[in-house]
């Protein structure tokens, strides 16, 4: 099982805070709330296999954290 982590961060290319999704030491995605909807950007250059249930859960947790800001 891979270890996921969510970090709330301020990044230079966004006006609002973002939720970064890390898998161990690799940044895999960033959720941002710049408009009405939450957008997601993926930062994966290599093929990485994830458990779908765990990935859905971590994205949902990050979405909730971002909406609480």
C-alpha atoms as a PDB file:
ATOM      1  CA  UNK A   1       0.000   0.000   0.000  1.00  0.00           C
ATOM      2  CA  UNK A   2       1.355   3.396  -0.988  1.00  0.00           C
ATOM      3  CA  UNK A   3       1.357   6.262   1.502  1.00  0.00           C
ATOM      4  CA  UNK A   4      -0.619   9.321   0.385  1.00  0.00           C
ATOM      5  CA  UNK A   5      -0.349  12.785   1.869  1.00  0.00           C
ATOM      6  CA  UNK A   6      -2.271  16.030   1.299  1.00  0.00           C
ATOM      7  CA  UNK A   7      -0.495  19.356   1.636  1.00  0.00           C
ATOM      8  CA  UNK A   8      -2.287  22.694   1.434  1.00  0.00           C
ATOM      9  CA  UNK A   9       0.057  25.077  -0.352  1.00  0.00           C
ATOM     10  CA  UNK A  10       0.381  28.518  -1.869  1.00  0.00           C
ATOM     11  CA  UNK A  11       1.805  28.294  -5.374  1.00  0.00           C
ATOM     12  CA  UNK A  12       2.940  31.193  -7.570  1.00  0.00           C
ATOM     13  CA  UNK A  13       0.689  30.399 -10.546  1.00  0.00           C
ATOM     14  CA  UNK A  14      -2.602  30.330  -8.559  1.00  0.00           C
ATOM     15  CA  UNK A  15      -4.470  33.083  -6.710  1.00  0.00           C
ATOM     16  CA  UNK A  16      -5.910  30.705  -4.089  1.00  0.00           C
ATOM     17  CA  UNK A  17      -4.413  27.913  -1.999  1.00  0.00           C
ATOM     18  CA  UNK A  18      -4.184  24.459  -3.572  1.00  0.00           C
ATOM     19  CA  UNK A  19      -4.297  20.906  -2.254  1.00  0.00           C
ATOM     20  CA  UNK A  20      -1.283  18.900  -3.383  1.00  0.00           C
ATOM     21  CA  UNK A  21      -1.587  15.105  -3.451  1.00  0.00           C
ATOM     22  CA  UNK A  22       1.681  13.345  -2.729  1.00  0.00           C
ATOM     23  CA  UNK A  23       2.359   9.625  -3.010  1.00  0.00           C
ATOM     24  CA  UNK A  24       5.371   8.952  -0.844  1.00  0.00           C
ATOM     25  CA  UNK A  25       7.844  11.560  -2.201  1.00  0.00           C
ATOM     26  CA  UNK A  26       6.186  12.135  -5.601  1.00  0.00           C
ATOM     27  CA  UNK A  27       3.771  15.000  -6.307  1.00  0.00           C
ATOM     28  CA  UNK A  28       1.037  13.323  -8.351  1.00  0.00           C
ATOM     29  CA  UNK A  29      -1.691  15.966  -8.545  1.00  0.00           C
ATOM     30  CA  UNK A  30      -2.856  19.406  -7.506  1.00  0.00           C
ATOM     31  CA  UNK A  31      -6.448  20.421  -6.813  1.00  0.00           C
ATOM     32  CA  UNK A  32      -7.301  24.093  -7.218  1.00  0.00           C
ATOM     33  CA  UNK A  33     -10.460  26.110  -6.639  1.00  0.00           C
ATOM     34  CA  UNK A  34      -9.936  29.168  -8.849  1.00  0.00           C
ATOM     35  CA  UNK A  35     -13.438  29.177 -10.373  1.00  0.00           C
ATOM     36  CA  UNK A  36     -16.791  27.633  -9.448  1.00  0.00           C
ATOM     37  CA  UNK A  37     -15.507  24.097  -9.958  1.00  0.00           C
ATOM     38  CA  UNK A  38     -12.453  22.350  -8.531  1.00  0.00           C
ATOM     39  CA  UNK A  39      -9.810  21.567 -11.142  1.00  0.00           C
ATOM     40  CA  UNK A  40      -7.164  18.871 -10.988  1.00  0.00           C
ATOM     41  CA  UNK A  41      -3.746  18.861 -12.616  1.00  0.00           C
ATOM     42  CA  UNK A  42      -1.668  15.686 -12.783  1.00  0.00           C
ATOM     43  CA  UNK A  43       2.130  15.742 -12.466  1.00  0.00           C
ATOM     44  CA  UNK A  44       3.081  12.196 -13.392  1.00  0.00           C
ATOM     45  CA  UNK A  45       5.672  11.583 -16.083  1.00  0.00           C
ATOM     46  CA  UNK A  46       6.127   7.864 -15.493  1.00  0.00           C
ATOM     47  CA  UNK A  47       3.678   5.009 -15.273  1.00  0.00           C
ATOM     48  CA  UNK A  48       2.650   4.515 -11.655  1.00  0.00           C
ATOM     49  CA  UNK A  49       0.052   2.040 -10.458  1.00  0.00           C
ATOM     50  CA  UNK A  50      -2.397   3.147  -7.739  1.00  0.00           C
ATOM     51  CA  UNK A  51      -5.185   1.383  -5.889  1.00  0.00           C
ATOM     52  CA  UNK A  52      -8.351   3.001  -7.283  1.00  0.00           C
ATOM     53  CA  UNK A  53     -10.261   2.997  -3.984  1.00  0.00           C
ATOM     54  CA  UNK A  54      -7.359   4.641  -2.111  1.00  0.00           C
ATOM     55  CA  UNK A  55      -6.870   7.205  -4.865  1.00  0.00           C
ATOM     56  CA  UNK A  56     -10.563   8.157  -4.921  1.00  0.00           C
ATOM     57  CA  UNK A  57     -10.566   8.482  -1.122  1.00  0.00           C
ATOM     58  CA  UNK A  58      -7.503  10.757  -1.074  1.00  0.00           C
ATOM     59  CA  UNK A  59      -8.918  12.988  -3.822  1.00  0.00           C
ATOM     60  CA  UNK A  60     -12.210  13.286  -1.933  1.00  0.00           C
ATOM     61  CA  UNK A  61     -10.363  14.156   1.273  1.00  0.00           C
ATOM     62  CA  UNK A  62      -8.322  16.806  -0.565  1.00  0.00           C
ATOM     63  CA  UNK A  63     -11.484  18.243  -2.141  1.00  0.00           C
ATOM     64  CA  UNK A  64     -13.105  18.587   1.291  1.00  0.00           C
ATOM     65  CA  UNK A  65     -10.020  20.292   2.747  1.00  0.00           C
ATOM     66  CA  UNK A  66      -9.867  22.731  -0.142  1.00  0.00           C
ATOM     67  CA  UNK A  67     -13.548  23.650   0.233  1.00  0.00           C
ATOM     68  CA  UNK A  68     -13.034  24.364   3.949  1.00  0.00           C
ATOM     69  CA  UNK A  69     -10.514  27.134   3.202  1.00  0.00           C
END
